[in-house]
N, C-alpha and C. Protein backbone atom coordinates (compact mmCIF):
# COMPACT_ATOMS: atom_id res chain seq x y z
N MET A 1 64.12 38.14 -5.18
CA MET A 1 62.66 38.28 -5.23
C MET A 1 62.25 38.68 -6.64
N PRO A 2 61.40 37.88 -7.32
CA PRO A 2 61.06 38.18 -8.72
C PRO A 2 60.01 39.26 -8.88
N PHE A 3 59.30 39.65 -7.80
CA PHE A 3 58.21 40.60 -7.93
C PHE A 3 58.63 42.00 -7.49
N ARG A 4 58.30 42.99 -8.30
CA ARG A 4 58.55 44.39 -7.95
C ARG A 4 57.22 45.13 -8.04
N GLU A 5 56.85 45.82 -6.97
CA GLU A 5 55.58 46.53 -6.96
C GLU A 5 55.68 47.81 -7.79
N ILE A 6 54.89 47.88 -8.85
CA ILE A 6 54.84 49.08 -9.70
C ILE A 6 53.97 50.14 -9.04
N ASN A 7 52.80 49.73 -8.58
CA ASN A 7 51.93 50.56 -7.75
C ASN A 7 51.11 49.62 -6.89
N SER A 8 50.08 50.12 -6.24
CA SER A 8 49.34 49.28 -5.30
C SER A 8 48.55 48.17 -5.99
N LYS A 9 48.41 48.22 -7.33
CA LYS A 9 47.57 47.25 -8.02
C LYS A 9 48.28 46.47 -9.12
N VAL A 10 49.56 46.74 -9.31
CA VAL A 10 50.32 46.08 -10.38
C VAL A 10 51.69 45.67 -9.86
N VAL A 11 52.12 44.45 -10.19
CA VAL A 11 53.48 44.01 -9.89
C VAL A 11 54.16 43.58 -11.18
N GLU A 12 55.48 43.76 -11.20
CA GLU A 12 56.28 43.30 -12.32
C GLU A 12 57.08 42.09 -11.88
N ALA A 13 57.06 41.05 -12.70
CA ALA A 13 57.79 39.82 -12.38
C ALA A 13 58.89 39.58 -13.39
N THR A 14 60.03 39.16 -12.90
CA THR A 14 61.15 38.78 -13.77
C THR A 14 61.13 37.28 -14.00
N VAL A 15 61.14 36.89 -15.27
CA VAL A 15 61.12 35.48 -15.64
C VAL A 15 62.44 35.16 -16.34
N ALA A 16 63.07 34.06 -15.97
CA ALA A 16 64.34 33.64 -16.56
C ALA A 16 64.31 32.14 -16.80
N PRO A 17 65.16 31.64 -17.69
CA PRO A 17 65.20 30.19 -17.93
C PRO A 17 65.42 29.42 -16.63
N GLY A 18 64.60 28.39 -16.41
CA GLY A 18 64.69 27.61 -15.18
C GLY A 18 64.04 28.27 -13.99
N ARG A 19 63.32 29.37 -14.22
CA ARG A 19 62.70 30.11 -13.13
C ARG A 19 61.24 30.37 -13.48
N ARG A 20 60.41 29.38 -13.35
CA ARG A 20 59.00 29.48 -13.73
C ARG A 20 58.19 30.22 -12.66
N LEU A 21 57.07 30.74 -13.12
CA LEU A 21 56.07 31.32 -12.22
C LEU A 21 54.72 30.69 -12.53
N PHE A 22 53.83 30.71 -11.55
CA PHE A 22 52.42 30.41 -11.78
C PHE A 22 51.63 31.69 -11.55
N SER A 23 50.58 31.90 -12.34
CA SER A 23 49.73 33.08 -12.14
C SER A 23 48.28 32.70 -12.40
N GLN A 24 47.40 33.52 -11.89
CA GLN A 24 45.98 33.32 -12.18
C GLN A 24 45.74 33.63 -13.65
N ARG A 25 44.93 32.82 -14.30
CA ARG A 25 44.66 33.05 -15.72
C ARG A 25 43.96 34.40 -15.91
N GLY A 26 44.41 35.13 -16.91
CA GLY A 26 43.84 36.44 -17.19
C GLY A 26 44.50 37.56 -16.41
N ALA A 27 45.57 37.24 -15.64
CA ALA A 27 46.21 38.25 -14.81
C ALA A 27 47.34 38.98 -15.52
N MET A 28 47.78 38.49 -16.70
CA MET A 28 48.85 39.15 -17.43
C MET A 28 48.34 40.43 -18.07
N LEU A 29 49.01 41.55 -17.75
CA LEU A 29 48.63 42.84 -18.33
C LEU A 29 49.49 43.20 -19.54
N ALA A 30 50.79 42.92 -19.44
CA ALA A 30 51.72 43.20 -20.53
C ALA A 30 53.02 42.45 -20.24
N HIS A 31 53.83 42.26 -21.27
CA HIS A 31 55.13 41.61 -21.04
C HIS A 31 56.15 42.03 -22.07
N ARG A 32 57.42 41.88 -21.70
CA ARG A 32 58.54 42.10 -22.61
C ARG A 32 59.35 40.82 -22.68
N GLY A 33 59.94 40.53 -23.83
CA GLY A 33 60.78 39.36 -23.96
C GLY A 33 60.03 38.17 -24.52
N GLU A 34 60.70 37.02 -24.51
CA GLU A 34 60.13 35.79 -25.02
C GLU A 34 59.49 35.02 -23.86
N ILE A 35 58.21 35.23 -23.68
CA ILE A 35 57.47 34.64 -22.57
C ILE A 35 56.36 33.75 -23.12
N THR A 36 56.18 32.58 -22.52
CA THR A 36 55.08 31.71 -22.90
C THR A 36 54.13 31.54 -21.71
N PHE A 37 52.84 31.43 -22.02
CA PHE A 37 51.80 31.24 -21.00
C PHE A 37 51.01 30.00 -21.38
N THR A 38 51.01 29.00 -20.51
CA THR A 38 50.29 27.76 -20.79
C THR A 38 49.44 27.36 -19.59
N PRO A 39 48.28 26.74 -19.82
CA PRO A 39 47.46 26.29 -18.68
C PRO A 39 48.25 25.32 -17.82
N SER A 40 48.12 25.46 -16.50
CA SER A 40 48.85 24.57 -15.59
C SER A 40 48.16 23.23 -15.52
N THR A 41 48.87 22.22 -15.04
CA THR A 41 48.31 20.89 -14.86
C THR A 41 47.52 20.84 -13.57
N ALA A 42 46.89 19.69 -13.32
CA ALA A 42 46.11 19.51 -12.08
C ALA A 42 46.98 19.70 -10.86
N GLY A 43 48.27 19.36 -10.98
CA GLY A 43 49.17 19.47 -9.84
C GLY A 43 49.41 20.89 -9.41
N GLY A 44 49.00 21.86 -10.26
CA GLY A 44 49.21 23.25 -9.90
C GLY A 44 48.48 23.68 -8.65
N GLN A 45 47.47 22.90 -8.21
CA GLN A 45 46.78 23.26 -6.98
C GLN A 45 46.65 22.06 -6.06
N GLY A 46 47.66 21.22 -6.03
CA GLY A 46 47.67 20.16 -5.03
C GLY A 46 47.32 18.78 -5.54
N GLY A 47 47.30 18.59 -6.88
CA GLY A 47 47.09 17.25 -7.40
C GLY A 47 45.65 16.99 -7.81
N LEU A 48 45.44 15.80 -8.38
CA LEU A 48 44.15 15.44 -8.95
C LEU A 48 43.05 15.42 -7.90
N ARG A 49 43.32 14.82 -6.73
CA ARG A 49 42.29 14.75 -5.70
C ARG A 49 41.85 16.14 -5.25
N SER A 50 42.81 17.05 -5.08
CA SER A 50 42.47 18.41 -4.68
C SER A 50 41.67 19.11 -5.75
N MET A 51 42.05 18.90 -7.02
CA MET A 51 41.33 19.54 -8.12
C MET A 51 39.88 19.08 -8.15
N ILE A 52 39.65 17.76 -7.99
CA ILE A 52 38.28 17.24 -8.01
C ILE A 52 37.48 17.83 -6.85
N GLY A 53 38.08 17.86 -5.65
CA GLY A 53 37.39 18.40 -4.49
C GLY A 53 37.02 19.85 -4.68
N ARG A 54 37.94 20.63 -5.21
CA ARG A 54 37.67 22.05 -5.44
C ARG A 54 36.56 22.24 -6.46
N ARG A 55 36.57 21.43 -7.53
CA ARG A 55 35.55 21.59 -8.56
C ARG A 55 34.17 21.22 -8.04
N VAL A 56 34.11 20.16 -7.24
CA VAL A 56 32.83 19.78 -6.65
C VAL A 56 32.30 20.91 -5.77
N ALA A 57 33.19 21.55 -5.04
CA ALA A 57 32.78 22.64 -4.15
C ALA A 57 32.66 23.97 -4.87
N GLY A 58 32.98 24.02 -6.16
CA GLY A 58 32.91 25.26 -6.91
C GLY A 58 34.00 26.24 -6.55
N GLU A 59 35.17 25.74 -6.11
CA GLU A 59 36.24 26.62 -5.64
C GLU A 59 37.50 26.49 -6.50
N ASP A 60 37.37 25.94 -7.69
CA ASP A 60 38.53 25.75 -8.55
C ASP A 60 38.92 27.08 -9.19
N THR A 61 40.20 27.45 -9.10
CA THR A 61 40.72 28.68 -9.71
C THR A 61 41.82 28.30 -10.69
N PRO A 62 41.58 28.42 -12.00
CA PRO A 62 42.58 28.00 -12.98
C PRO A 62 43.84 28.85 -12.91
N LEU A 63 44.99 28.18 -13.09
CA LEU A 63 46.28 28.85 -13.11
C LEU A 63 46.93 28.66 -14.47
N MET A 64 47.94 29.48 -14.76
CA MET A 64 48.76 29.28 -15.94
C MET A 64 50.23 29.30 -15.54
N THR A 65 51.04 28.57 -16.32
CA THR A 65 52.48 28.51 -16.11
C THR A 65 53.13 29.58 -16.98
N VAL A 66 54.04 30.34 -16.38
CA VAL A 66 54.72 31.44 -17.07
C VAL A 66 56.20 31.08 -17.16
N GLU A 67 56.72 30.99 -18.40
CA GLU A 67 58.11 30.60 -18.62
C GLU A 67 58.75 31.47 -19.70
N GLY A 68 60.08 31.46 -19.73
CA GLY A 68 60.79 32.17 -20.78
C GLY A 68 61.84 33.10 -20.22
N SER A 69 62.01 34.25 -20.87
CA SER A 69 63.00 35.23 -20.46
C SER A 69 62.46 36.63 -20.72
N GLY A 70 62.27 37.40 -19.66
CA GLY A 70 61.75 38.75 -19.81
C GLY A 70 61.04 39.20 -18.55
N THR A 71 60.14 40.15 -18.70
CA THR A 71 59.38 40.67 -17.57
C THR A 71 57.89 40.67 -17.90
N VAL A 72 57.07 40.50 -16.87
CA VAL A 72 55.62 40.45 -17.03
C VAL A 72 54.97 41.36 -16.00
N LEU A 73 53.96 42.11 -16.43
CA LEU A 73 53.16 42.90 -15.51
C LEU A 73 51.89 42.12 -15.18
N PHE A 74 51.63 41.97 -13.87
CA PHE A 74 50.45 41.25 -13.41
C PHE A 74 49.52 42.17 -12.62
N GLY A 75 48.23 41.99 -12.83
CA GLY A 75 47.20 42.67 -12.06
C GLY A 75 45.88 42.03 -12.42
N HIS A 76 44.86 42.20 -11.59
CA HIS A 76 43.59 41.52 -11.89
C HIS A 76 42.44 42.23 -11.18
N GLY A 77 41.46 42.64 -11.97
CA GLY A 77 40.24 43.20 -11.41
C GLY A 77 40.40 44.51 -10.67
N GLY A 78 41.53 45.17 -10.82
CA GLY A 78 41.77 46.40 -10.08
C GLY A 78 41.98 46.20 -8.59
N HIS A 79 42.25 44.94 -8.18
CA HIS A 79 42.46 44.65 -6.76
C HIS A 79 43.84 45.13 -6.31
N HIS A 80 43.95 45.46 -5.03
CA HIS A 80 45.25 45.79 -4.45
C HIS A 80 46.09 44.51 -4.36
N VAL A 81 47.39 44.66 -4.51
CA VAL A 81 48.31 43.53 -4.52
C VAL A 81 49.32 43.66 -3.39
N GLN A 82 49.55 42.56 -2.69
CA GLN A 82 50.54 42.51 -1.61
C GLN A 82 51.52 41.39 -1.91
N VAL A 83 52.82 41.69 -1.88
CA VAL A 83 53.85 40.67 -2.08
C VAL A 83 54.29 40.14 -0.72
N ILE A 84 54.27 38.81 -0.57
CA ILE A 84 54.65 38.14 0.67
C ILE A 84 55.84 37.24 0.39
N ASP A 85 56.89 37.37 1.19
CA ASP A 85 58.08 36.54 1.05
C ASP A 85 58.06 35.44 2.10
N LEU A 86 58.24 34.20 1.67
CA LEU A 86 58.27 33.06 2.58
C LEU A 86 59.70 32.56 2.73
N SER A 87 60.06 32.22 3.95
CA SER A 87 61.41 31.72 4.24
C SER A 87 61.33 30.36 4.91
N GLY A 88 60.74 29.42 4.22
CA GLY A 88 60.64 28.07 4.74
C GLY A 88 59.36 27.77 5.48
N ASP A 89 58.49 28.75 5.66
CA ASP A 89 57.23 28.49 6.36
C ASP A 89 56.10 28.31 5.36
N THR A 90 54.87 28.27 5.87
CA THR A 90 53.71 27.96 5.04
C THR A 90 52.72 29.12 5.05
N LEU A 91 52.24 29.48 3.86
CA LEU A 91 51.21 30.49 3.71
C LEU A 91 49.88 29.80 3.46
N TYR A 92 48.84 30.22 4.20
CA TYR A 92 47.48 29.74 4.00
C TYR A 92 46.68 30.88 3.37
N VAL A 93 46.10 30.64 2.19
CA VAL A 93 45.44 31.71 1.46
C VAL A 93 44.38 31.11 0.55
N GLU A 94 43.30 31.86 0.30
CA GLU A 94 42.28 31.41 -0.63
C GLU A 94 42.86 31.38 -2.05
N ALA A 95 42.50 30.35 -2.82
CA ALA A 95 43.04 30.19 -4.17
C ALA A 95 42.73 31.39 -5.06
N ASP A 96 41.53 31.97 -4.93
CA ASP A 96 41.19 33.07 -5.84
C ASP A 96 41.90 34.37 -5.49
N ARG A 97 42.64 34.40 -4.37
CA ARG A 97 43.44 35.57 -4.01
C ARG A 97 44.86 35.51 -4.56
N LEU A 98 45.25 34.36 -5.12
CA LEU A 98 46.61 34.21 -5.64
C LEU A 98 46.71 34.90 -7.00
N LEU A 99 47.56 35.92 -7.08
CA LEU A 99 47.80 36.58 -8.35
C LEU A 99 48.94 35.87 -9.09
N ALA A 100 50.07 35.66 -8.41
CA ALA A 100 51.21 34.97 -9.00
C ALA A 100 52.14 34.50 -7.88
N PHE A 101 52.94 33.45 -8.17
CA PHE A 101 53.89 32.96 -7.18
C PHE A 101 54.97 32.14 -7.86
N GLU A 102 56.10 31.99 -7.17
CA GLU A 102 57.23 31.26 -7.72
C GLU A 102 57.00 29.75 -7.64
N ASP A 103 57.60 29.03 -8.60
CA ASP A 103 57.45 27.57 -8.59
C ASP A 103 58.38 26.91 -7.59
N THR A 104 59.18 27.69 -6.88
CA THR A 104 60.01 27.12 -5.80
C THR A 104 59.16 26.76 -4.60
N LEU A 105 57.92 27.21 -4.58
CA LEU A 105 57.02 26.95 -3.47
C LEU A 105 56.20 25.69 -3.73
N GLU A 106 56.12 24.84 -2.72
CA GLU A 106 55.34 23.60 -2.82
C GLU A 106 53.87 23.92 -2.55
N GLN A 107 53.01 23.52 -3.49
CA GLN A 107 51.59 23.83 -3.39
C GLN A 107 50.82 22.68 -2.78
N GLY A 108 49.79 23.01 -2.04
CA GLY A 108 48.93 22.00 -1.44
C GLY A 108 47.54 22.54 -1.22
N THR A 109 46.63 21.67 -0.84
CA THR A 109 45.26 22.05 -0.54
C THR A 109 44.85 21.42 0.78
N VAL A 110 44.23 22.21 1.64
CA VAL A 110 43.79 21.73 2.95
C VAL A 110 42.27 21.80 3.01
N PHE A 111 41.65 20.69 3.37
CA PHE A 111 40.21 20.66 3.62
C PHE A 111 39.97 21.18 5.03
N LEU A 112 39.19 22.26 5.14
CA LEU A 112 39.01 22.90 6.44
C LEU A 112 38.33 22.00 7.46
N GLY A 113 37.62 20.98 6.98
CA GLY A 113 37.03 20.03 7.91
C GLY A 113 38.07 19.23 8.66
N SER A 114 39.30 19.15 8.10
CA SER A 114 40.37 18.46 8.79
C SER A 114 41.05 19.34 9.82
N GLN A 115 40.67 20.61 9.86
CA GLN A 115 41.21 21.56 10.83
C GLN A 115 40.08 22.02 11.75
N GLY A 116 39.60 21.11 12.57
CA GLY A 116 38.55 21.49 13.50
C GLY A 116 37.19 20.91 13.19
N GLY A 117 37.11 19.96 12.25
CA GLY A 117 35.85 19.30 11.96
C GLY A 117 34.78 20.28 11.49
N VAL A 118 33.58 20.16 12.07
CA VAL A 118 32.47 21.03 11.68
C VAL A 118 32.81 22.49 11.94
N ARG A 119 33.51 22.77 13.03
CA ARG A 119 33.90 24.15 13.31
C ARG A 119 34.80 24.71 12.21
N GLY A 120 35.69 23.86 11.70
CA GLY A 120 36.56 24.30 10.61
C GLY A 120 35.76 24.66 9.37
N MET A 121 34.74 23.85 9.04
CA MET A 121 33.91 24.13 7.88
C MET A 121 33.07 25.39 8.09
N VAL A 122 32.57 25.57 9.32
CA VAL A 122 31.82 26.79 9.64
C VAL A 122 32.73 28.01 9.51
N ARG A 123 33.98 27.86 9.99
CA ARG A 123 34.95 28.95 9.88
C ARG A 123 35.15 29.33 8.41
N GLY A 124 35.27 28.32 7.55
CA GLY A 124 35.45 28.58 6.13
C GLY A 124 34.26 29.30 5.53
N ARG A 125 33.07 28.93 5.97
CA ARG A 125 31.85 29.57 5.47
C ARG A 125 31.78 31.02 5.91
N VAL A 126 32.03 31.29 7.18
CA VAL A 126 31.93 32.65 7.71
C VAL A 126 33.00 33.56 7.12
N SER A 127 34.23 33.03 6.96
CA SER A 127 35.33 33.85 6.45
C SER A 127 35.32 33.96 4.94
N GLY A 128 34.47 33.18 4.25
CA GLY A 128 34.43 33.21 2.81
C GLY A 128 35.44 32.29 2.16
N GLN A 129 36.16 31.48 2.94
CA GLN A 129 37.15 30.57 2.39
C GLN A 129 36.53 29.36 1.71
N GLY A 130 35.29 29.03 2.01
CA GLY A 130 34.70 27.82 1.48
C GLY A 130 35.18 26.61 2.25
N LEU A 131 35.26 25.45 1.57
CA LEU A 131 35.64 24.21 2.23
C LEU A 131 37.14 23.92 2.14
N PHE A 132 37.82 24.62 1.23
CA PHE A 132 39.24 24.36 1.01
C PHE A 132 40.04 25.65 1.14
N THR A 133 41.31 25.51 1.50
CA THR A 133 42.23 26.63 1.44
C THR A 133 43.53 26.14 0.83
N THR A 134 44.25 27.02 0.16
CA THR A 134 45.49 26.67 -0.51
C THR A 134 46.68 26.93 0.41
N THR A 135 47.68 26.07 0.34
CA THR A 135 48.92 26.28 1.09
C THR A 135 50.09 26.41 0.11
N LEU A 136 51.02 27.28 0.43
CA LEU A 136 52.27 27.43 -0.29
C LEU A 136 53.39 27.35 0.74
N ARG A 137 54.32 26.41 0.53
CA ARG A 137 55.34 26.14 1.54
C ARG A 137 56.73 26.21 0.91
N GLY A 138 57.68 26.83 1.65
CA GLY A 138 59.06 26.84 1.20
C GLY A 138 59.65 28.22 1.15
N HIS A 139 60.58 28.42 0.21
CA HIS A 139 61.27 29.70 0.05
C HIS A 139 60.86 30.31 -1.28
N GLY A 140 60.31 31.49 -1.25
CA GLY A 140 59.88 32.16 -2.47
C GLY A 140 58.91 33.28 -2.18
N SER A 141 58.42 33.90 -3.25
CA SER A 141 57.54 35.06 -3.12
C SER A 141 56.17 34.78 -3.71
N VAL A 142 55.17 35.42 -3.13
CA VAL A 142 53.78 35.28 -3.54
C VAL A 142 53.16 36.66 -3.66
N ALA A 143 52.38 36.89 -4.71
CA ALA A 143 51.61 38.13 -4.83
C ALA A 143 50.14 37.77 -4.64
N VAL A 144 49.52 38.35 -3.60
CA VAL A 144 48.11 38.06 -3.31
C VAL A 144 47.28 39.32 -3.51
N MET A 145 45.98 39.12 -3.73
CA MET A 145 45.08 40.22 -4.01
C MET A 145 44.13 40.47 -2.84
N ALA A 146 43.70 41.73 -2.71
CA ALA A 146 42.78 42.09 -1.64
C ALA A 146 42.05 43.37 -2.02
N HIS A 147 40.99 43.68 -1.29
CA HIS A 147 40.27 44.93 -1.47
C HIS A 147 40.81 45.99 -0.50
N GLY A 148 41.08 47.17 -1.02
CA GLY A 148 41.39 48.31 -0.16
C GLY A 148 42.75 48.30 0.49
N GLY A 149 43.67 47.47 0.04
CA GLY A 149 45.00 47.43 0.64
C GLY A 149 45.09 46.41 1.76
N VAL A 150 46.32 46.05 2.11
CA VAL A 150 46.57 44.99 3.09
C VAL A 150 47.52 45.48 4.17
N ILE A 151 47.27 45.07 5.40
CA ILE A 151 48.22 45.31 6.49
C ILE A 151 48.65 43.97 7.06
N GLU A 152 49.90 43.91 7.49
CA GLU A 152 50.45 42.71 8.11
C GLU A 152 50.49 42.90 9.62
N ILE A 153 49.91 41.96 10.35
CA ILE A 153 49.87 42.04 11.82
C ILE A 153 50.64 40.85 12.39
N PRO A 154 51.71 41.10 13.16
CA PRO A 154 52.46 39.99 13.75
C PRO A 154 51.60 39.22 14.76
N VAL A 155 51.80 37.91 14.80
CA VAL A 155 51.14 37.04 15.78
C VAL A 155 52.24 36.42 16.63
N THR A 156 52.17 36.61 17.94
CA THR A 156 53.17 36.05 18.86
C THR A 156 52.46 35.26 19.95
N PRO A 157 53.19 34.35 20.63
CA PRO A 157 52.57 33.59 21.71
C PRO A 157 52.00 34.49 22.80
N GLN A 158 52.62 35.64 23.01
CA GLN A 158 52.16 36.55 24.05
C GLN A 158 51.01 37.44 23.59
N ARG A 159 50.89 37.61 22.26
CA ARG A 159 49.89 38.54 21.74
C ARG A 159 49.12 37.91 20.58
N PRO A 160 48.10 37.09 20.88
CA PRO A 160 47.24 36.57 19.81
C PRO A 160 46.46 37.71 19.17
N VAL A 161 45.95 37.48 17.98
CA VAL A 161 45.24 38.50 17.22
C VAL A 161 43.84 38.02 16.90
N HIS A 162 42.85 38.91 17.06
CA HIS A 162 41.47 38.62 16.69
C HIS A 162 41.14 39.41 15.43
N VAL A 163 40.59 38.72 14.42
CA VAL A 163 40.37 39.31 13.11
C VAL A 163 38.91 39.13 12.70
N ASP A 164 38.35 40.15 12.07
CA ASP A 164 37.04 40.02 11.43
C ASP A 164 37.18 38.99 10.31
N PRO A 165 36.41 37.90 10.31
CA PRO A 165 36.57 36.86 9.28
C PRO A 165 36.46 37.39 7.86
N GLN A 166 35.63 38.41 7.64
CA GLN A 166 35.44 38.93 6.30
C GLN A 166 36.59 39.84 5.86
N ALA A 167 37.45 40.25 6.79
CA ALA A 167 38.62 41.06 6.45
C ALA A 167 39.87 40.21 6.33
N TYR A 168 39.78 38.94 6.73
CA TYR A 168 40.93 38.03 6.68
C TYR A 168 41.36 37.77 5.23
N VAL A 169 42.68 37.82 4.98
CA VAL A 169 43.23 37.54 3.65
C VAL A 169 44.06 36.26 3.66
N ALA A 170 45.03 36.17 4.58
CA ALA A 170 45.94 35.03 4.61
C ALA A 170 46.70 35.06 5.93
N HIS A 171 47.41 33.96 6.21
CA HIS A 171 48.34 33.97 7.34
C HIS A 171 49.48 33.00 7.05
N HIS A 172 50.61 33.19 7.73
CA HIS A 172 51.73 32.27 7.56
C HIS A 172 52.44 32.08 8.89
N GLY A 173 53.26 31.04 8.93
CA GLY A 173 53.99 30.71 10.14
C GLY A 173 53.31 29.60 10.92
N GLU A 174 53.78 29.40 12.14
CA GLU A 174 53.19 28.39 13.04
C GLU A 174 52.02 29.03 13.78
N VAL A 175 50.94 29.22 13.05
CA VAL A 175 49.78 29.94 13.57
C VAL A 175 48.58 29.01 13.63
N ARG A 176 47.90 28.99 14.76
CA ARG A 176 46.65 28.25 14.91
C ARG A 176 45.51 29.26 14.85
N ASN A 177 44.40 28.86 14.25
CA ASN A 177 43.27 29.78 14.18
C ASN A 177 41.98 29.04 14.46
N LYS A 178 41.08 29.71 15.12
CA LYS A 178 39.78 29.12 15.42
C LYS A 178 38.73 30.21 15.39
N LEU A 179 37.50 29.79 15.13
CA LEU A 179 36.37 30.71 15.07
C LEU A 179 35.76 30.83 16.45
N SER A 180 35.52 32.06 16.89
CA SER A 180 34.88 32.28 18.18
C SER A 180 33.77 33.30 18.02
N THR A 181 32.79 33.24 18.89
CA THR A 181 31.71 34.21 18.87
C THR A 181 32.09 35.39 19.73
N ALA A 182 31.87 36.58 19.19
CA ALA A 182 32.21 37.79 19.92
C ALA A 182 31.06 38.28 20.78
N LEU A 183 29.86 37.69 20.55
CA LEU A 183 28.68 38.14 21.27
C LEU A 183 27.92 36.94 21.82
N GLY A 184 27.13 37.16 22.83
CA GLY A 184 26.24 36.12 23.31
C GLY A 184 25.12 35.90 22.32
N TRP A 185 24.43 34.74 22.42
CA TRP A 185 23.41 34.44 21.42
C TRP A 185 22.27 35.44 21.45
N ARG A 186 21.97 36.00 22.62
CA ARG A 186 20.90 36.99 22.68
C ARG A 186 21.30 38.25 21.90
N ASP A 187 22.58 38.63 21.99
CA ASP A 187 23.04 39.83 21.28
C ASP A 187 23.10 39.61 19.78
N MET A 188 23.24 38.34 19.34
CA MET A 188 23.42 38.06 17.92
C MET A 188 22.10 38.07 17.17
N VAL A 189 20.97 38.02 17.87
CA VAL A 189 19.67 38.01 17.20
C VAL A 189 19.50 39.32 16.43
N GLY A 190 19.22 39.19 15.15
CA GLY A 190 19.03 40.38 14.32
C GLY A 190 20.31 40.96 13.77
N ARG A 191 21.47 40.37 14.10
CA ARG A 191 22.73 40.90 13.58
C ARG A 191 23.19 40.06 12.41
N GLY A 192 23.52 40.72 11.27
CA GLY A 192 24.02 40.00 10.12
C GLY A 192 25.49 40.22 9.89
N SER A 193 26.12 41.07 10.70
CA SER A 193 27.52 41.41 10.48
C SER A 193 28.44 40.27 10.84
N GLY A 194 29.56 40.17 10.10
CA GLY A 194 30.59 39.19 10.42
C GLY A 194 31.25 39.48 11.74
N GLU A 195 31.02 40.67 12.33
CA GLU A 195 31.63 41.02 13.61
C GLU A 195 31.03 40.23 14.76
N ALA A 196 29.93 39.49 14.49
CA ALA A 196 29.40 38.59 15.52
C ALA A 196 30.36 37.43 15.74
N PHE A 197 31.25 37.19 14.78
CA PHE A 197 32.27 36.15 14.89
C PHE A 197 33.65 36.78 14.75
N GLN A 198 34.63 36.09 15.29
CA GLN A 198 36.01 36.53 15.15
C GLN A 198 36.89 35.32 14.88
N LEU A 199 37.97 35.54 14.13
CA LEU A 199 39.00 34.54 13.98
C LEU A 199 40.09 34.85 14.99
N GLU A 200 40.37 33.91 15.86
CA GLU A 200 41.43 34.08 16.85
C GLU A 200 42.67 33.35 16.37
N LEU A 201 43.76 34.10 16.14
CA LEU A 201 45.01 33.52 15.66
C LEU A 201 46.06 33.60 16.74
N SER A 202 46.69 32.47 17.02
CA SER A 202 47.70 32.42 18.09
C SER A 202 48.90 31.62 17.59
N GLY A 203 50.02 31.80 18.25
CA GLY A 203 51.25 31.12 17.86
C GLY A 203 52.31 32.12 17.44
N SER A 204 53.06 31.79 16.37
CA SER A 204 54.14 32.65 15.89
C SER A 204 54.04 32.78 14.37
N GLY A 205 53.87 34.00 13.90
CA GLY A 205 53.76 34.24 12.47
C GLY A 205 53.16 35.59 12.19
N ALA A 206 52.32 35.66 11.17
CA ALA A 206 51.68 36.92 10.81
C ALA A 206 50.37 36.64 10.12
N VAL A 207 49.43 37.59 10.24
CA VAL A 207 48.15 37.50 9.54
C VAL A 207 48.01 38.76 8.69
N TYR A 208 47.41 38.59 7.52
CA TYR A 208 47.20 39.70 6.59
C TYR A 208 45.71 40.03 6.55
N VAL A 209 45.42 41.32 6.71
CA VAL A 209 44.04 41.78 6.81
C VAL A 209 43.81 42.89 5.77
N GLN A 210 42.68 42.83 5.08
CA GLN A 210 42.38 43.86 4.10
C GLN A 210 41.52 44.95 4.72
N ALA A 211 41.58 46.14 4.12
CA ALA A 211 40.84 47.29 4.62
C ALA A 211 39.44 47.32 4.06
N SER A 212 38.78 46.18 4.07
CA SER A 212 37.44 46.05 3.53
C SER A 212 36.85 44.74 4.00
N GLU A 213 35.53 44.65 4.04
CA GLU A 213 34.86 43.40 4.34
C GLU A 213 34.30 42.74 3.09
N GLU A 214 34.70 43.27 1.92
CA GLU A 214 34.22 42.74 0.65
C GLU A 214 35.11 41.60 0.20
N LYS A 215 34.50 40.49 -0.24
CA LYS A 215 35.25 39.34 -0.72
C LYS A 215 35.52 39.50 -2.21
N LEU A 216 36.55 38.82 -2.69
CA LEU A 216 36.88 38.86 -4.12
C LEU A 216 35.80 38.14 -4.93
């Protein structure tokens, strides 16, 4: 695992020849050794088509490629950082929450309209995900950002989890999620809270929830 948590808001990454990392631009705090930082290509977030779609929707998050030999300290905006290890499964996370991740992970972009049609797009709007979400698949580590710290909640076939959409950070594994209303329409009149809706996650995996309803 290349990431070591220094404190709740900073991680240290080990970089070695043949072991690249991607990070959000502007996330480097300090480094030791011979390290280079270069803007990533369009493929860094799922290819040219994904890049165009994200830019049209205003959801493009520039990345940089980190290479060389040494160590790098990453942090951004004073946000809390959570390191997630993937073992062949897929992480679904908003692009602007990605602090850094290994290049051993295959990157992709999912249009939420393809996951439930109009309901999928509404889910993205309510949860703050927008129209697209980023996927990272394979074996490797990811450092994600959140407000107020992160807790990991297991999702099992016997025990689905309901999450406040505004507290949702990411999920991984064979997990299905859908938006449901927690209140009847009469009760929702005059309510602006995201608690009028819930994300229901079922299957096998885990969901990450932040201790805040504030978006990045």
